[in-house]
Amino acid sequence: MTLMKFSRMCEAIEMASGSIKKQEIISESIRTFSNSSVVLDILSEQLEPNNIGVKKARIWLAEMLEVFEDEVIGSENLWGDLAEGIYQMVLEPNEVKNSISISTFNTLLKLDCSSKNNTAFTILKEELDKMTGLEMKWFIRYWLRTPRNGISSSNVYKALKSHFGTNYNVKYDNYHSPSAIYTSLVNNTTLKEKSGVGVFIKPMLAKKYDGKLPYNYILDTKFDGNRYQMHISNTDVIIFNRTGKIVTEQFRDVATLQDISLCKDMILDCEIYPINVDGSPAEHKRLATRVHSKNKIQAMIDCPVKMVAFDILYVDGKSWIEEPYRNRLAKLHATIDNKYITEYFQSKDLTQSYNLAINRGFEGIMIKDLDAPYAIGKRNKCLLKHKPPMINLDVIIDSAKYGEGRRSSVFGTFGISVKSPDGYVNIGSVGTGFSDDDLTRLTTDLKKIVDKYDKDIFYVLPRVVIEVTCDLISQDAEGNFGLRFPRMIRIRDDKYPADINTLEDIRSNI
């Protein structure tokens, strides 16, 4: 397979409407791949960081193509995407050349671009000269790890399932890369369910409590923090976020706790939440200091945190995933110091426990089925959350930016505003709750009313109304508003900008 063939496939995927159609294109393309395993890993972005960013890429591309950097920036601003801008700049962008192989393409994507002093710049300049405009476009997108073709790793796994049919075991998705699965099925070999420290396990997700309770259950605190997975081997610790990204450096103080482990190896399912000086839970928004700050040491000082574990998935060579929660909970207490374990309520009375949690400054309660195994990567009725009721708002969209992963070809995040006496006031952004059709429609509609473009953000005229929900509205010291867990409910074709909620409504809900 060549880069040109790969690029044409990506073009087809980008133009396809809906994830099912995109998966069909991948599934059909697999039949013609000559280097399928490599292609599948690229599509699912099984790629290590290469130390290139958009700012550096602009400079490098300008020099490689022998144009002014302002030309690159101007074309990027015009088309809203650096790769598309380069494609449109190149004379005869689809001229026929001797396309480079997919193996060479894969090698280029892995080059360390931390400095022009290494060989990466020279190699890339030489290879870029061999590419057509279309090939450049898709090289740049994957080089920057922003493919914008609407494909995520889950789409690739589903395409493999469609391609191989009943021979495909969905459990493979939790343990192996697409290339490993493909190679195994083609060669008719058996894949093992991998487990152990360092192998990320997709977390079991909670459903909203709807009034129905498991037969045997236990209640514990719902902390207002972020979900993490701690992998501990002796004194070595790896911390994954809920998507599988390693974030150990953000929580070096947690990773260096000396008294947490009473065994050699283990994997903990846990929550990390911000605390005040007295140890009481702080506002969730403070945790952003840890997540986004470049000065990790200062971030630890500005935002102290606490870690609490509520599940254990692996201990000293044995997986506990298939064990019922009562057994995992007993093992958790036998394995780590109890001061690092979440507090469970003695009462099974939901109202009493819920009120107690809220009064202590926590987010709510969790309801856990004592008889249930750990459901990897699934939103499960055996794990329920009970929180304060949501706040619903009608808002206008004031800006948009492209999404990531499978939603990188459409707008994925939207700035939202409410009415004020002086016009409109931004209250944050929303990026969840949208179907693929919603995003396709909004991308089409909003591009028609773009007012200006700046730093990857498209600012639009106040025309489109949507309904959103959130569980909390906050305001920082500078007066900026923010929504906790915002989610789009629906596009309000039946409402005009004059009908949306007001600044007074926002203040009344703080």
Protein backbone atom coordinates (compact mmCIF):
# COMPACT_ATOMS: atom_id res chain seq x y z
CA MET A 1 0.00 0.00 0.00
CA THR A 2 1.15 3.55 -0.76
CA LEU A 3 0.58 6.88 0.93
CA MET A 4 -1.55 7.96 -2.06
CA LYS A 5 -3.90 5.01 -1.60
CA PHE A 6 -4.06 5.69 2.13
CA SER A 7 -4.78 9.38 1.47
CA ARG A 8 -7.62 8.59 -0.93
CA MET A 9 -9.12 6.26 1.66
CA CYS A 10 -8.90 9.02 4.30
CA GLU A 11 -10.58 11.46 1.91
CA ALA A 12 -13.45 9.00 1.47
CA ILE A 13 -13.71 8.53 5.23
CA GLU A 14 -13.72 12.30 5.81
CA MET A 15 -16.52 12.81 3.28
CA ALA A 16 -18.63 9.90 4.57
CA SER A 17 -21.66 10.77 6.68
CA GLY A 18 -21.94 8.91 9.97
CA SER A 19 -19.64 6.49 11.79
CA ILE A 20 -21.23 3.34 10.28
CA LYS A 21 -20.36 4.45 6.73
CA LYS A 22 -16.82 5.32 7.83
CA GLN A 23 -16.44 1.86 9.37
CA GLU A 24 -17.68 0.26 6.16
CA ILE A 25 -14.99 2.07 4.16
CA ILE A 26 -12.29 0.78 6.52
CA SER A 27 -13.72 -2.74 6.49
CA GLU A 28 -13.77 -2.82 2.67
CA SER A 29 -10.32 -1.25 2.43
CA ILE A 30 -8.81 -3.94 4.66
CA ARG A 31 -9.26 -6.38 1.79
CA THR A 32 -6.91 -4.35 -0.39
CA PHE A 33 -4.30 -3.35 2.20
CA SER A 34 -0.88 -4.82 1.48
CA ASN A 35 0.42 -3.70 4.87
CA SER A 36 -2.78 -3.89 6.88
CA SER A 37 -1.38 -4.03 10.40
CA VAL A 38 0.60 -0.80 9.94
CA VAL A 39 -2.38 0.98 8.37
CA LEU A 40 -4.69 -0.09 11.19
CA ASP A 41 -2.32 1.20 13.86
CA ILE A 42 -2.02 4.54 12.05
CA LEU A 43 -5.80 4.86 11.68
CA SER A 44 -6.32 4.11 15.38
CA GLU A 45 -3.51 6.54 16.25
CA GLN A 46 -1.33 3.92 17.95
CA LEU A 47 1.51 6.42 17.67
CA GLU A 48 4.00 7.72 20.21
CA PRO A 49 4.55 11.50 20.65
CA ASN A 50 6.95 12.93 18.07
CA ASN A 51 7.49 16.36 19.68
CA ILE A 52 5.95 18.40 16.88
CA GLY A 53 3.29 21.03 17.41
CA VAL A 54 1.36 23.34 15.13
CA LYS A 55 3.60 26.35 15.75
CA LYS A 56 6.79 24.43 14.98
CA ALA A 57 5.12 22.66 12.04
CA ARG A 58 4.30 26.02 10.40
CA ILE A 59 7.95 27.07 10.58
CA TRP A 60 9.27 23.74 9.30
CA LEU A 61 6.75 23.48 6.46
CA ALA A 62 7.46 27.03 5.28
CA GLU A 63 11.16 26.22 5.02
CA MET A 64 10.59 22.80 3.46
CA LEU A 65 8.27 24.21 0.81
CA GLU A 66 10.39 27.35 0.34
CA VAL A 67 7.57 29.78 1.06
CA PHE A 68 7.09 32.54 3.63
CA GLU A 69 5.66 31.54 7.00
CA ASP A 70 3.00 34.25 6.58
CA GLU A 71 1.81 32.42 3.45
CA VAL A 72 1.39 29.23 5.45
CA ILE A 73 -0.47 31.05 8.24
CA GLY A 74 -2.66 32.93 5.75
CA SER A 75 -3.71 29.74 3.97
CA GLU A 76 -4.30 27.99 7.31
CA ASN A 77 -6.55 30.84 8.48
CA LEU A 78 -8.44 30.83 5.19
CA TRP A 79 -9.16 27.10 5.26
CA GLY A 80 -9.30 26.60 9.01
CA ASP A 81 -6.75 23.78 9.05
CA LEU A 82 -2.98 23.75 8.52
CA ALA A 83 -3.01 20.56 6.44
CA GLU A 84 -5.87 21.75 4.24
CA GLY A 85 -4.11 25.11 3.88
CA ILE A 86 -0.93 23.42 2.61
CA TYR A 87 -2.96 21.25 0.23
CA GLN A 88 -4.59 24.35 -1.26
CA MET A 89 -1.23 26.12 -1.55
CA VAL A 90 0.53 23.41 -3.55
CA LEU A 91 0.50 23.89 -7.31
CA GLU A 92 -1.24 21.00 -9.04
CA PRO A 93 -1.99 19.37 -5.67
CA ASN A 94 -3.10 16.09 -7.24
CA GLU A 95 -0.28 15.66 -9.77
CA VAL A 96 0.90 12.08 -10.15
CA LYS A 97 4.17 11.24 -8.43
CA ASN A 98 5.86 8.06 -7.34
CA SER A 99 4.09 7.67 -4.04
CA ILE A 100 6.06 6.65 -0.97
CA SER A 101 5.26 3.36 0.72
CA ILE A 102 3.08 3.09 3.80
CA SER A 103 6.10 1.73 5.71
CA THR A 104 8.06 4.89 4.90
CA PHE A 105 5.03 6.98 5.89
CA ASN A 106 4.90 5.18 9.24
CA THR A 107 8.62 5.80 9.79
CA LEU A 108 8.21 9.52 9.07
CA LEU A 109 5.39 9.80 11.60
CA LYS A 110 7.66 8.41 14.32
CA LEU A 111 10.63 10.74 13.74
CA ASP A 112 11.65 12.78 16.77
CA CYS A 113 11.04 16.40 15.79
CA SER A 114 12.25 18.00 19.01
CA SER A 115 15.05 19.83 17.18
CA LYS A 116 16.11 20.81 13.65
CA ASN A 117 19.60 19.74 14.61
CA ASN A 118 18.71 16.06 14.40
CA THR A 119 18.09 14.21 11.16
CA ALA A 120 14.27 14.49 11.21
CA PHE A 121 14.08 17.85 9.43
CA THR A 122 16.39 16.78 6.60
CA ILE A 123 14.57 13.48 6.07
CA LEU A 124 11.13 15.10 6.13
CA LYS A 125 12.16 17.82 3.67
CA GLU A 126 13.42 15.19 1.24
CA GLU A 127 10.32 13.00 1.55
CA LEU A 128 7.87 15.90 1.43
CA ASP A 129 9.24 16.78 -2.00
CA LYS A 130 8.07 13.37 -3.22
CA MET A 131 4.45 13.91 -2.08
CA THR A 132 1.49 15.31 -3.95
CA GLY A 133 -0.66 17.93 -2.25
CA LEU A 134 -3.16 15.29 -1.18
CA GLU A 135 -0.43 13.14 0.34
CA MET A 136 0.98 16.19 2.13
CA LYS A 137 -2.44 16.91 3.60
CA TRP A 138 -2.79 13.50 5.20
CA PHE A 139 0.84 13.28 6.19
CA ILE A 140 0.57 16.61 8.04
CA ARG A 141 -2.66 15.62 9.78
CA TYR A 142 -1.21 12.39 11.14
CA TRP A 143 2.16 14.05 11.78
CA LEU A 144 0.34 16.50 14.08
CA ARG A 145 -1.83 13.67 15.50
CA THR A 146 -5.00 15.53 14.37
CA PRO A 147 -6.35 13.45 11.45
CA ARG A 148 -9.81 15.08 11.41
CA ASN A 149 -11.35 12.24 9.39
CA GLY A 150 -13.83 11.29 12.07
CA ILE A 151 -12.08 8.04 12.95
CA SER A 152 -11.23 6.85 16.45
CA SER A 153 -9.79 3.58 17.68
CA SER A 154 -13.32 2.34 18.47
CA ASN A 155 -14.27 2.81 14.79
CA VAL A 156 -11.28 0.73 13.75
CA TYR A 157 -12.20 -2.06 16.18
CA LYS A 158 -15.79 -2.05 14.86
CA ALA A 159 -14.50 -2.18 11.27
CA LEU A 160 -12.40 -5.23 12.18
CA LYS A 161 -15.45 -6.85 13.76
CA SER A 162 -17.45 -6.19 10.59
CA HIS A 163 -14.65 -7.57 8.42
CA PHE A 164 -14.04 -10.78 10.36
CA GLY A 165 -17.61 -11.41 11.54
CA THR A 166 -18.18 -14.18 14.09
CA ASN A 167 -14.46 -14.94 14.37
CA TYR A 168 -13.98 -11.62 16.14
CA ASN A 169 -13.93 -11.63 19.95
CA VAL A 170 -14.95 -8.21 21.32
CA LYS A 171 -12.86 -8.88 24.44
CA TYR A 172 -9.79 -8.36 22.25
CA ASP A 173 -10.62 -4.62 22.18
CA ASN A 174 -9.75 -4.29 25.85
CA TYR A 175 -6.29 -5.77 25.62
CA HIS A 176 -4.82 -5.56 22.11
CA SER A 177 -4.10 -3.09 19.35
CA PRO A 178 -5.98 -3.36 16.02
CA SER A 179 -2.84 -4.60 14.29
CA ALA A 180 -2.33 -7.41 16.82
CA ILE A 181 -5.97 -8.48 16.43
CA TYR A 182 -5.77 -8.39 12.63
CA THR A 183 -2.55 -10.42 12.53
CA SER A 184 -3.97 -13.00 14.93
CA LEU A 185 -7.18 -13.50 12.95
CA VAL A 186 -5.40 -13.68 9.59
CA ASN A 187 -2.89 -16.22 10.90
CA ASN A 188 -5.52 -18.09 12.96
CA THR A 189 -3.58 -17.71 16.19
CA THR A 190 -4.96 -17.21 19.69
CA LEU A 191 -4.69 -13.95 21.58
CA LYS A 192 -4.50 -13.95 25.35
CA GLU A 193 -6.41 -11.56 27.56
CA LYS A 194 -3.50 -9.50 28.77
CA SER A 195 -3.47 -8.15 32.28
CA GLY A 196 -0.90 -6.76 34.61
CA VAL A 197 0.73 -3.55 35.72
CA GLY A 198 1.20 -1.20 32.78
CA VAL A 199 -1.71 -2.60 30.73
CA PHE A 200 -4.54 -0.05 30.88
CA ILE A 201 -8.00 -1.43 31.60
CA LYS A 202 -10.97 0.46 30.18
CA PRO A 203 -12.96 1.60 33.23
CA MET A 204 -16.46 0.42 34.08
CA LEU A 205 -18.76 3.43 33.81
CA ALA A 206 -21.76 4.38 35.90
CA LYS A 207 -25.36 4.84 34.88
CA LYS A 208 -27.65 7.42 36.41
CA TYR A 209 -29.82 6.11 39.25
CA ASP A 210 -33.39 5.71 37.95
CA GLY A 211 -35.10 4.40 41.06
CA LYS A 212 -34.17 0.74 40.54
CA LEU A 213 -31.66 -0.82 42.97
CA PRO A 214 -29.53 -3.98 42.72
CA TYR A 215 -30.54 -6.86 44.97
CA ASN A 216 -27.38 -6.60 47.08
CA TYR A 217 -25.72 -3.20 47.12
CA ILE A 218 -23.46 -0.88 49.05
CA LEU A 219 -23.33 2.94 49.09
CA ASP A 220 -20.23 5.09 49.02
CA THR A 221 -19.29 8.71 48.42
CA LYS A 222 -19.23 10.25 44.94
CA PHE A 223 -16.23 12.54 44.97
CA ASP A 224 -16.09 15.69 42.87
CA GLY A 225 -12.82 14.81 41.18
CA ASN A 226 -11.49 12.89 38.21
CA ARG A 227 -11.33 9.16 37.63
CA TYR A 228 -7.85 7.59 37.43
CA GLN A 229 -6.24 4.17 37.35
CA MET A 230 -3.09 3.60 39.41
CA HIS A 231 -0.66 0.85 38.39
CA ILE A 232 1.84 0.10 41.17
CA SER A 233 4.85 -2.19 40.92
CA ASN A 234 7.05 -2.00 44.02
CA THR A 235 7.95 1.71 44.10
CA ASP A 236 7.14 2.36 40.43
CA VAL A 237 3.77 3.99 39.73
CA ILE A 238 1.91 4.75 36.50
CA ILE A 239 -1.25 6.86 36.64
CA PHE A 240 -3.68 6.66 33.69
CA ASN A 241 -6.65 8.96 33.15
CA ARG A 242 -9.99 7.44 32.18
CA THR A 243 -9.08 7.45 28.46
CA GLY A 244 -5.79 5.61 28.97
CA LYS A 245 -3.40 8.58 28.77
CA ILE A 246 -0.47 8.48 31.20
CA VAL A 247 -0.66 11.50 33.55
CA THR A 248 1.80 10.44 36.27
CA GLU A 249 3.71 13.74 36.18
CA GLN A 250 0.53 15.68 36.97
CA PHE A 251 0.18 13.78 40.23
CA ARG A 252 3.76 13.14 41.31
CA ASP A 253 2.72 13.67 44.96
CA VAL A 254 0.20 10.84 44.65
CA ALA A 255 2.61 8.62 42.75
CA THR A 256 5.23 8.88 45.51
CA LEU A 257 3.00 7.94 48.46
CA GLN A 258 5.20 5.62 50.51
CA ASP A 259 2.64 3.77 52.60
CA ILE A 260 -0.05 2.92 50.09
CA SER A 261 1.06 -0.51 48.93
CA LEU A 262 1.08 -3.65 51.05
CA CYS A 263 1.92 -5.91 48.10
CA LYS A 264 4.26 -6.10 45.11
CA ASP A 265 1.98 -5.35 42.14
CA MET A 266 -1.56 -3.99 41.90
CA ILE A 267 -3.98 -1.92 39.83
CA LEU A 268 -6.35 0.45 41.62
CA ASP A 269 -9.49 2.15 40.32
CA CYS A 270 -9.59 5.47 42.11
CA GLU A 271 -10.60 9.12 42.27
CA ILE A 272 -8.32 12.11 42.74
CA TYR A 273 -10.06 15.25 43.99
CA PRO A 274 -8.91 18.72 45.13
CA ILE A 275 -8.91 19.59 48.83
CA ASN A 276 -8.74 22.70 50.96
CA VAL A 277 -6.08 23.32 53.61
CA ASP A 278 -8.25 21.62 56.22
CA GLY A 279 -8.65 18.52 54.06
CA SER A 280 -12.26 19.18 53.06
CA PRO A 281 -13.21 18.78 49.38
CA ALA A 282 -12.57 21.86 47.22
CA GLU A 283 -14.30 22.98 44.01
CA HIS A 284 -13.67 20.64 41.10
CA LYS A 285 -12.52 23.49 38.82
CA ARG A 286 -9.31 23.81 40.89
CA LEU A 287 -8.24 20.43 39.54
CA ALA A 288 -7.70 22.10 36.16
CA THR A 289 -4.55 23.60 37.70
CA ARG A 290 -3.09 20.12 37.92
CA VAL A 291 -4.23 19.00 34.51
CA HIS A 292 -3.18 22.03 32.46
CA SER A 293 -0.32 23.69 34.35
CA LYS A 294 3.19 23.44 32.84
CA ASN A 295 4.77 24.08 36.25
CA LYS A 296 3.89 20.78 37.93
CA ILE A 297 5.65 21.63 41.21
CA GLN A 298 3.79 24.91 41.65
CA ALA A 299 0.54 23.17 40.65
CA MET A 300 0.99 20.71 43.53
CA ILE A 301 1.33 23.67 45.93
CA ASP A 302 -1.62 25.60 44.47
CA CYS A 303 -3.92 22.60 44.32
CA PRO A 304 -3.40 19.89 46.95
CA VAL A 305 -5.28 16.68 46.20
CA LYS A 306 -6.36 13.45 47.82
CA MET A 307 -6.55 9.98 46.29
CA VAL A 308 -9.22 7.49 47.30
CA ALA A 309 -9.46 3.97 45.88
CA PHE A 310 -12.79 2.21 45.45
CA ASP A 311 -11.84 -0.92 43.46
CA ILE A 312 -8.91 -3.23 42.85
CA LEU A 313 -8.46 -4.97 39.50
CA TYR A 314 -5.16 -6.81 39.75
CA VAL A 315 -2.96 -8.06 42.61
CA ASP A 316 0.36 -9.91 42.47
CA GLY A 317 -0.13 -11.79 39.21
CA LYS A 318 -3.89 -12.35 39.47
CA SER A 319 -6.71 -10.47 37.75
CA TRP A 320 -9.69 -9.75 39.99
CA ILE A 321 -11.94 -8.40 37.22
CA GLU A 322 -14.20 -11.47 37.12
CA GLU A 323 -14.65 -11.54 40.90
CA PRO A 324 -17.87 -10.09 42.40
CA TYR A 325 -17.47 -6.64 43.91
CA ARG A 326 -17.81 -7.93 47.50
CA ASN A 327 -14.64 -10.03 46.92
CA ARG A 328 -12.79 -7.16 45.22
CA LEU A 329 -13.73 -4.84 48.07
CA ALA A 330 -12.46 -7.32 50.67
CA LYS A 331 -9.22 -7.69 48.69
CA LEU A 332 -8.88 -3.90 48.47
CA HIS A 333 -9.07 -3.59 52.27
CA ALA A 334 -6.58 -6.43 52.68
CA THR A 335 -4.15 -4.90 50.20
CA ILE A 336 -3.84 -1.15 50.87
CA ASP A 337 -3.97 1.09 53.91
CA ASN A 338 -7.61 1.83 54.73
CA LYS A 339 -6.98 5.58 54.86
CA TYR A 340 -6.71 5.48 51.05
CA ILE A 341 -10.05 3.68 50.58
CA THR A 342 -13.33 5.48 49.98
CA GLU A 343 -15.78 5.76 52.85
CA TYR A 344 -18.80 3.45 52.67
CA PHE A 345 -22.06 4.32 54.38
CA GLN A 346 -23.32 1.98 57.07
CA SER A 347 -26.92 2.67 56.13
CA LYS A 348 -28.56 1.46 52.91
CA ASP A 349 -31.01 4.34 53.09
CA LEU A 350 -30.39 6.39 49.93
CA THR A 351 -31.91 9.64 51.19
CA GLN A 352 -29.99 9.60 54.45
CA SER A 353 -26.66 8.73 52.80
CA TYR A 354 -27.20 11.19 49.96
CA ASN A 355 -27.92 14.10 52.33
CA LEU A 356 -24.92 13.20 54.46
CA ALA A 357 -22.61 13.21 51.41
CA ILE A 358 -23.95 16.55 50.14
CA ASN A 359 -23.65 18.16 53.59
CA ARG A 360 -20.01 17.08 53.76
CA GLY A 361 -19.28 18.86 50.49
CA PHE A 362 -19.22 15.84 48.19
CA GLU A 363 -20.98 15.43 44.85
CA GLY A 364 -23.44 12.68 45.79
CA ILE A 365 -23.37 8.91 46.29
CA MET A 366 -22.51 5.79 44.30
CA ILE A 367 -24.61 2.62 44.37
CA LYS A 368 -22.64 -0.57 43.74
CA ASP A 369 -23.85 -4.12 43.11
CA LEU A 370 -21.97 -6.42 45.48
CA ASP A 371 -22.59 -9.47 43.26
CA ALA A 372 -21.31 -7.99 39.98
CA PRO A 373 -17.95 -8.50 38.27
CA TYR A 374 -16.05 -5.54 36.77
CA ALA A 375 -17.60 -4.70 33.37
CA ILE A 376 -14.63 -3.46 31.33
CA GLY A 377 -15.38 -0.38 29.25
CA LYS A 378 -19.16 -0.57 29.70
CA ARG A 379 -21.72 1.74 31.26
CA ASN A 380 -23.36 -0.68 33.61
CA LYS A 381 -26.47 -0.84 35.81
CA CYS A 382 -24.32 -2.51 38.46
CA LEU A 383 -22.68 0.86 39.06
CA LEU A 384 -25.07 3.76 39.63
CA LYS A 385 -24.59 7.44 40.48
CA HIS A 386 -26.99 9.65 42.38
CA LYS A 387 -26.34 13.41 42.17
CA PRO A 388 -28.29 16.66 42.54
CA PRO A 389 -30.77 17.40 39.74
CA MET A 390 -29.45 18.96 36.53
CA ILE A 391 -29.89 22.58 35.43
CA ASN A 392 -31.35 23.06 31.92
CA LEU A 393 -30.58 26.15 29.84
CA ASP A 394 -31.38 27.48 26.37
CA VAL A 395 -28.24 29.13 24.96
CA ILE A 396 -26.81 30.39 21.68
CA ILE A 397 -23.61 29.06 20.11
CA ASP A 398 -20.99 31.83 19.91
CA SER A 399 -17.98 29.85 18.67
CA ALA A 400 -16.83 26.43 17.54
CA LYS A 401 -13.65 24.43 17.06
CA TYR A 402 -12.90 21.11 15.44
CA GLY A 403 -13.15 17.96 17.52
CA GLU A 404 -10.59 15.24 18.09
CA GLY A 405 -10.36 11.57 17.17
CA ARG A 406 -13.34 10.36 15.18
CA ARG A 407 -14.85 13.85 15.36
CA SER A 408 -11.84 15.71 14.01
CA SER A 409 -13.57 16.36 10.64
CA VAL A 410 -16.45 18.29 12.22
CA PHE A 411 -16.89 20.89 14.92
CA GLY A 412 -16.75 19.11 18.26
CA THR A 413 -16.68 21.84 20.92
CA PHE A 414 -18.97 24.87 21.06
CA GLY A 415 -18.77 28.10 23.03
CA ILE A 416 -22.15 29.06 24.46
CA SER A 417 -23.69 32.32 25.69
CA VAL A 418 -26.79 33.71 27.39
CA LYS A 419 -28.45 37.10 27.01
CA SER A 420 -27.31 40.11 29.00
CA PRO A 421 -28.36 43.78 28.99
CA ASP A 422 -25.29 44.50 26.82
CA GLY A 423 -25.74 41.62 24.38
CA TYR A 424 -24.43 38.14 25.18
CA VAL A 425 -22.19 36.67 27.91
CA ASN A 426 -20.19 33.49 27.42
CA ILE A 427 -20.81 30.83 30.09
CA GLY A 428 -18.36 28.19 28.92
CA SER A 429 -18.42 25.48 26.31
CA VAL A 430 -20.06 22.12 25.60
CA GLY A 431 -18.72 19.13 23.68
CA THR A 432 -20.87 16.16 24.74
CA GLY A 433 -24.40 15.02 24.02
CA PHE A 434 -24.13 15.48 20.25
CA SER A 435 -24.90 12.72 17.75
CA ASP A 436 -22.85 12.43 14.57
CA ASP A 437 -25.78 13.89 12.64
CA ASP A 438 -25.98 16.83 15.08
CA LEU A 439 -22.31 17.64 14.56
CA THR A 440 -22.51 17.34 10.79
CA ARG A 441 -25.50 19.66 10.70
CA LEU A 442 -24.00 22.20 13.11
CA THR A 443 -20.70 22.24 11.21
CA THR A 444 -22.54 22.98 7.96
CA ASP A 445 -24.82 25.62 9.50
CA LEU A 446 -22.17 27.41 11.56
CA LYS A 447 -19.65 27.67 8.72
CA LYS A 448 -22.22 29.85 6.92
CA ILE A 449 -22.25 32.40 9.75
CA VAL A 450 -18.54 32.60 10.70
CA ASP A 451 -17.67 36.14 11.81
CA LYS A 452 -13.95 35.63 12.37
CA TYR A 453 -11.32 32.92 12.85
CA ASP A 454 -8.53 33.06 15.43
CA LYS A 455 -6.25 30.40 16.91
CA ASP A 456 -8.28 27.35 15.85
CA ILE A 457 -11.57 28.93 16.98
CA PHE A 458 -14.38 29.92 14.61
CA TYR A 459 -16.42 32.79 16.08
CA VAL A 460 -19.97 32.79 14.74
CA LEU A 461 -22.94 35.15 14.68
CA PRO A 462 -25.57 34.51 17.40
CA ARG A 463 -28.07 32.53 15.36
CA VAL A 464 -28.14 28.89 16.50
CA VAL A 465 -29.96 27.96 19.74
CA ILE A 466 -29.37 24.72 21.63
CA GLU A 467 -30.56 23.35 24.95
CA VAL A 468 -27.89 22.22 27.39
CA THR A 469 -27.91 20.68 30.84
CA CYS A 470 -25.31 20.75 33.63
CA ASP A 471 -25.13 19.87 37.30
CA LEU A 472 -23.51 23.08 38.53
CA ILE A 473 -22.85 26.69 37.48
CA SER A 474 -19.78 28.41 38.94
CA GLN A 475 -18.06 31.81 38.69
CA ASP A 476 -14.34 32.42 39.20
CA ALA A 477 -12.58 35.41 40.78
CA GLU A 478 -12.37 37.19 37.40
CA GLY A 479 -16.14 36.88 36.93
CA ASN A 480 -16.01 34.14 34.27
CA PHE A 481 -18.82 31.59 34.34
CA GLY A 482 -18.44 27.85 33.86
CA LEU A 483 -20.72 24.81 33.66
CA ARG A 484 -19.96 21.56 35.46
CA PHE A 485 -20.50 18.51 33.24
CA PRO A 486 -22.37 20.36 30.46
CA ARG A 487 -24.22 18.25 27.91
CA MET A 488 -26.26 19.18 24.84
CA ILE A 489 -29.85 17.96 24.95
CA ARG A 490 -31.13 19.12 21.56
CA ILE A 491 -30.92 21.75 18.85
CA ARG A 492 -33.78 24.20 19.40
CA ASP A 493 -35.13 24.96 15.92
CA ASP A 494 -38.27 26.18 17.63
CA LYS A 495 -36.52 29.00 19.50
CA TYR A 496 -34.88 32.27 18.51
CA PRO A 497 -31.90 34.00 20.17
CA ALA A 498 -34.39 36.30 21.90
CA ASP A 499 -35.85 33.26 23.70
CA ILE A 500 -32.68 32.04 25.41
CA ASN A 501 -31.86 32.23 29.11
CA THR A 502 -30.48 35.39 30.65
CA LEU A 503 -27.50 36.39 32.76
CA GLU A 504 -29.92 36.82 35.65
CA ASP A 505 -30.95 33.15 35.26
CA ILE A 506 -27.32 32.09 35.47
CA ARG A 507 -26.63 34.10 38.61
CA SER A 508 -29.73 32.73 40.31
CA ASN A 509 -28.40 29.17 39.88
CA ILE A 510 -24.93 29.76 41.32
